């Protein structure tokens, strides 16, 4: 690993953060054959989330604080003889949080590097295997996958073995060449050798 942010110490630190705070969301989309797997981290500690975002070349999302709904009030059992819920004004609020997310093959790269240091699993190894099984490695969606893999590799992340043989430095053909190549392939003619 060639980046000061992606080293053994930082991966072990990130594993501790993931042990406590990371989760998986599965998003259904009618245009996809499989669920989109989102690895996320929510925290009131904005510095932690910004550090993870810097390590992965992503941007965190700020969630503003907001007033807690009435149903979240806690019963009073400390200074009153009987437990009850106070009625009237209260100033309880949900704190501002920051969320970091990463999806698909990029999530697999992060998990590949962090899971060896984790003490809990929380379904992450199952999600990792599912991402590898369904990763887009060609065709529609490959450009975004390739860019994410290249970004993480350039930041110092080790790619999982199944991604190491992919040409993530490949650039798409210019439109004229792409159209010409498609036309040649679909013409039915066999090129001369």
Protein backbone atom coordinates (compact mmCIF):
# COMPACT_ATOMS: atom_id res chain seq x y z
CA UNK A 1 0.00 0.00 0.00
CA UNK A 2 1.57 3.21 -1.17
CA UNK A 3 -0.57 5.82 0.55
CA UNK A 4 -0.11 7.34 3.98
CA UNK A 5 -3.87 7.04 4.54
CA UNK A 6 -4.09 3.34 3.63
CA UNK A 7 -1.62 1.60 5.91
CA UNK A 8 -1.90 -1.16 8.52
CA UNK A 9 -2.48 1.25 11.40
CA UNK A 10 -5.26 3.11 9.58
CA UNK A 11 -6.90 -0.10 8.36
CA UNK A 12 -6.93 -1.43 11.94
CA UNK A 13 -8.42 1.88 13.12
CA UNK A 14 -11.04 1.70 10.35
CA UNK A 15 -11.86 -1.88 11.36
CA UNK A 16 -12.63 -0.65 14.88
CA UNK A 17 -14.88 2.06 13.47
CA UNK A 18 -16.63 -0.50 11.26
CA UNK A 19 -17.01 -2.91 14.20
CA UNK A 20 -18.98 -0.21 16.02
CA UNK A 21 -20.68 1.85 13.33
CA UNK A 22 -20.74 0.28 9.85
CA UNK A 23 -23.80 -1.25 8.28
CA UNK A 24 -25.16 -2.60 5.02
CA UNK A 25 -28.23 -1.40 3.12
CA UNK A 26 -29.66 -3.32 0.18
CA UNK A 27 -31.40 -1.04 -2.32
CA UNK A 28 -33.87 -2.52 -4.77
CA UNK A 29 -34.02 -0.98 -8.20
CA UNK A 30 -36.24 -2.26 -11.00
CA UNK A 31 -33.50 -1.50 -13.54
CA UNK A 32 -31.05 -3.85 -11.80
CA UNK A 33 -31.08 -7.63 -11.65
CA UNK A 34 -29.64 -7.64 -8.12
CA UNK A 35 -29.90 -5.37 -5.10
CA UNK A 36 -27.39 -2.55 -4.85
CA UNK A 37 -25.31 -3.12 -1.72
CA UNK A 38 -24.38 0.05 0.14
CA UNK A 39 -21.74 0.03 2.88
CA UNK A 40 -22.37 2.96 5.20
CA UNK A 41 -21.12 4.65 8.33
CA UNK A 42 -23.13 7.17 10.38
CA UNK A 43 -21.62 9.13 13.24
CA UNK A 44 -21.98 12.30 15.28
CA UNK A 45 -18.19 12.44 15.14
CA UNK A 46 -17.74 14.32 11.88
CA UNK A 47 -13.95 13.99 12.00
CA UNK A 48 -14.15 10.19 11.91
CA UNK A 49 -16.46 10.16 8.89
CA UNK A 50 -14.44 12.81 7.04
CA UNK A 51 -11.29 10.73 7.62
CA UNK A 52 -12.95 7.64 6.13
CA UNK A 53 -14.14 9.72 3.16
CA UNK A 54 -10.62 11.08 2.61
CA UNK A 55 -9.18 7.54 2.75
CA UNK A 56 -11.64 6.39 0.05
CA UNK A 57 -11.76 9.49 -2.15
CA UNK A 58 -15.46 10.05 -1.47
CA UNK A 59 -17.56 12.86 0.00
CA UNK A 60 -19.48 12.51 3.25
CA UNK A 61 -23.11 13.65 3.52
CA UNK A 62 -24.00 16.02 6.35
CA UNK A 63 -27.33 15.38 8.08
CA UNK A 64 -28.51 18.40 10.09
CA UNK A 65 -29.73 18.01 13.67
CA UNK A 66 -33.48 18.06 14.15
CA UNK A 67 -36.06 18.09 16.91
CA UNK A 68 -36.90 14.63 18.21
CA UNK A 69 -40.48 13.52 17.63
CA UNK A 70 -42.79 13.28 20.68
CA UNK A 71 -42.81 9.48 20.61
CA UNK A 72 -39.06 9.45 21.36
CA UNK A 73 -39.41 11.14 24.77
CA UNK A 74 -38.10 9.09 27.64
CA UNK A 75 -39.94 8.50 30.84
CA UNK A 76 -38.76 10.31 33.95
CA UNK A 77 -37.49 7.89 36.58
CA UNK A 78 -34.65 9.90 38.10
CA UNK A 79 -36.15 12.73 40.16
CA UNK A 80 -39.79 11.67 40.34
CA UNK A 81 -41.16 8.95 42.65
CA UNK A 82 -43.10 7.27 39.81
CA UNK A 83 -41.95 6.81 36.21
CA UNK A 84 -43.89 9.01 33.80
CA UNK A 85 -43.44 11.20 30.73
CA UNK A 86 -43.36 14.94 31.27
CA UNK A 87 -45.88 16.88 29.21
CA UNK A 88 -45.09 20.29 27.80
CA UNK A 89 -42.06 21.95 26.31
CA UNK A 90 -38.91 19.95 25.85
CA UNK A 91 -35.80 20.75 23.91
CA UNK A 92 -34.50 17.32 23.06
CA UNK A 93 -33.03 17.13 19.62
CA UNK A 94 -31.38 14.61 17.35
CA UNK A 95 -27.72 15.57 16.84
CA UNK A 96 -26.25 16.48 13.49
CA UNK A 97 -24.60 13.43 11.91
CA UNK A 98 -22.36 12.69 8.98
CA UNK A 99 -22.84 9.70 6.68
CA UNK A 100 -20.24 8.01 4.49
CA UNK A 101 -21.36 5.54 1.82
CA UNK A 102 -19.71 3.40 -0.81
CA UNK A 103 -21.31 0.88 -3.15
CA UNK A 104 -20.63 -2.09 -5.37
CA UNK A 105 -17.09 -3.06 -6.33
CA UNK A 106 -15.67 -0.08 -4.40
CA UNK A 107 -17.35 -1.40 -1.23
CA UNK A 108 -15.79 -4.81 -1.93
CA UNK A 109 -12.33 -3.22 -2.14
CA UNK A 110 -12.78 -1.47 1.21
CA UNK A 111 -14.14 -4.63 2.87
CA UNK A 112 -11.33 -6.75 1.39
CA UNK A 113 -8.78 -4.51 3.11
CA UNK A 114 -10.60 -3.92 6.41
CA UNK A 115 -12.25 -7.26 7.27
CA UNK A 116 -9.00 -9.01 8.29
CA UNK A 117 -8.72 -6.52 11.17
CA UNK A 118 -12.35 -6.63 12.30
CA UNK A 119 -13.56 -8.41 15.43
CA UNK A 120 -17.23 -8.58 14.40
CA UNK A 121 -18.88 -9.43 11.11
CA UNK A 122 -22.34 -7.80 11.15
CA UNK A 123 -23.16 -9.41 7.79
CA UNK A 124 -20.23 -7.74 6.02
CA UNK A 125 -18.57 -10.98 4.82
CA UNK A 126 -21.86 -12.11 3.23
CA UNK A 127 -22.25 -8.73 1.53
CA UNK A 128 -18.61 -8.89 0.35
CA UNK A 129 -19.18 -12.31 -1.27
CA UNK A 130 -22.40 -11.12 -2.89
CA UNK A 131 -20.71 -8.01 -4.31
CA UNK A 132 -17.90 -10.11 -5.81
CA UNK A 133 -20.42 -12.52 -7.32
CA UNK A 134 -22.46 -9.76 -8.99
CA UNK A 135 -19.78 -7.14 -9.73
CA UNK A 136 -20.05 -5.46 -13.11
CA UNK A 137 -16.83 -6.27 -14.99
CA UNK A 138 -17.90 -5.37 -18.50
CA UNK A 139 -20.70 -3.83 -20.54
CA UNK A 140 -23.14 -1.31 -19.11
CA UNK A 141 -21.92 0.01 -15.78
CA UNK A 142 -18.32 -1.07 -16.33
CA UNK A 143 -17.11 2.51 -16.80
CA UNK A 144 -18.28 3.56 -13.31
CA UNK A 145 -16.90 0.36 -11.77
CA UNK A 146 -13.55 0.82 -13.53
CA UNK A 147 -13.30 4.45 -12.34
CA UNK A 148 -14.06 3.46 -8.72
CA UNK A 149 -11.52 0.62 -8.76
CA UNK A 150 -8.88 2.87 -10.32
CA UNK A 151 -9.55 5.63 -7.74
CA UNK A 152 -9.17 3.25 -4.80
CA UNK A 153 -6.12 1.52 -6.26
CA UNK A 154 -4.46 4.91 -6.83
CA UNK A 155 -5.20 5.84 -3.20
CA UNK A 156 -3.31 2.74 -2.08
CA UNK A 157 -6.11 0.19 -1.58
CA UNK A 158 -5.37 -3.41 -2.56
CA UNK A 159 -7.89 -4.80 -5.03
CA UNK A 160 -9.44 -8.21 -4.30
CA UNK A 161 -7.89 -11.00 -6.36
CA UNK A 162 -10.91 -11.25 -8.68
CA UNK A 163 -10.43 -7.56 -9.63
CA UNK A 164 -6.64 -7.58 -10.01
CA UNK A 165 -6.71 -8.95 -13.55
CA UNK A 166 -9.21 -6.33 -14.77
CA UNK A 167 -7.79 -3.51 -16.87
CA UNK A 168 -8.92 -0.60 -14.71
CA UNK A 169 -6.66 1.79 -16.63
CA UNK A 170 -8.47 1.05 -19.89
CA UNK A 171 -10.21 4.07 -21.34
CA UNK A 172 -13.42 3.85 -23.32
CA UNK A 173 -13.09 4.05 -27.10
CA UNK A 174 -13.85 7.43 -28.64
CA UNK A 175 -17.43 7.52 -30.03
CA UNK A 176 -16.30 7.20 -33.68
CA UNK A 177 -14.13 4.16 -32.98
CA UNK A 178 -16.78 2.62 -30.75
CA UNK A 179 -19.44 3.02 -33.44
CA UNK A 180 -17.11 1.70 -36.12
CA UNK A 181 -16.17 -1.32 -34.01
CA UNK A 182 -19.85 -1.99 -33.28
CA UNK A 183 -20.71 -1.65 -36.97
CA UNK A 184 -17.99 -4.10 -38.00
CA UNK A 185 -19.06 -6.59 -35.41
CA UNK A 186 -22.71 -6.41 -36.41
CA UNK A 187 -22.28 -6.41 -40.20
CA UNK A 188 -22.03 -10.18 -40.37
CA UNK A 189 -18.90 -9.99 -42.52
CA UNK A 190 -15.88 -11.97 -41.47
CA UNK A 191 -12.72 -9.80 -41.53
CA UNK A 192 -9.92 -10.98 -43.79
CA UNK A 193 -6.89 -12.45 -42.08
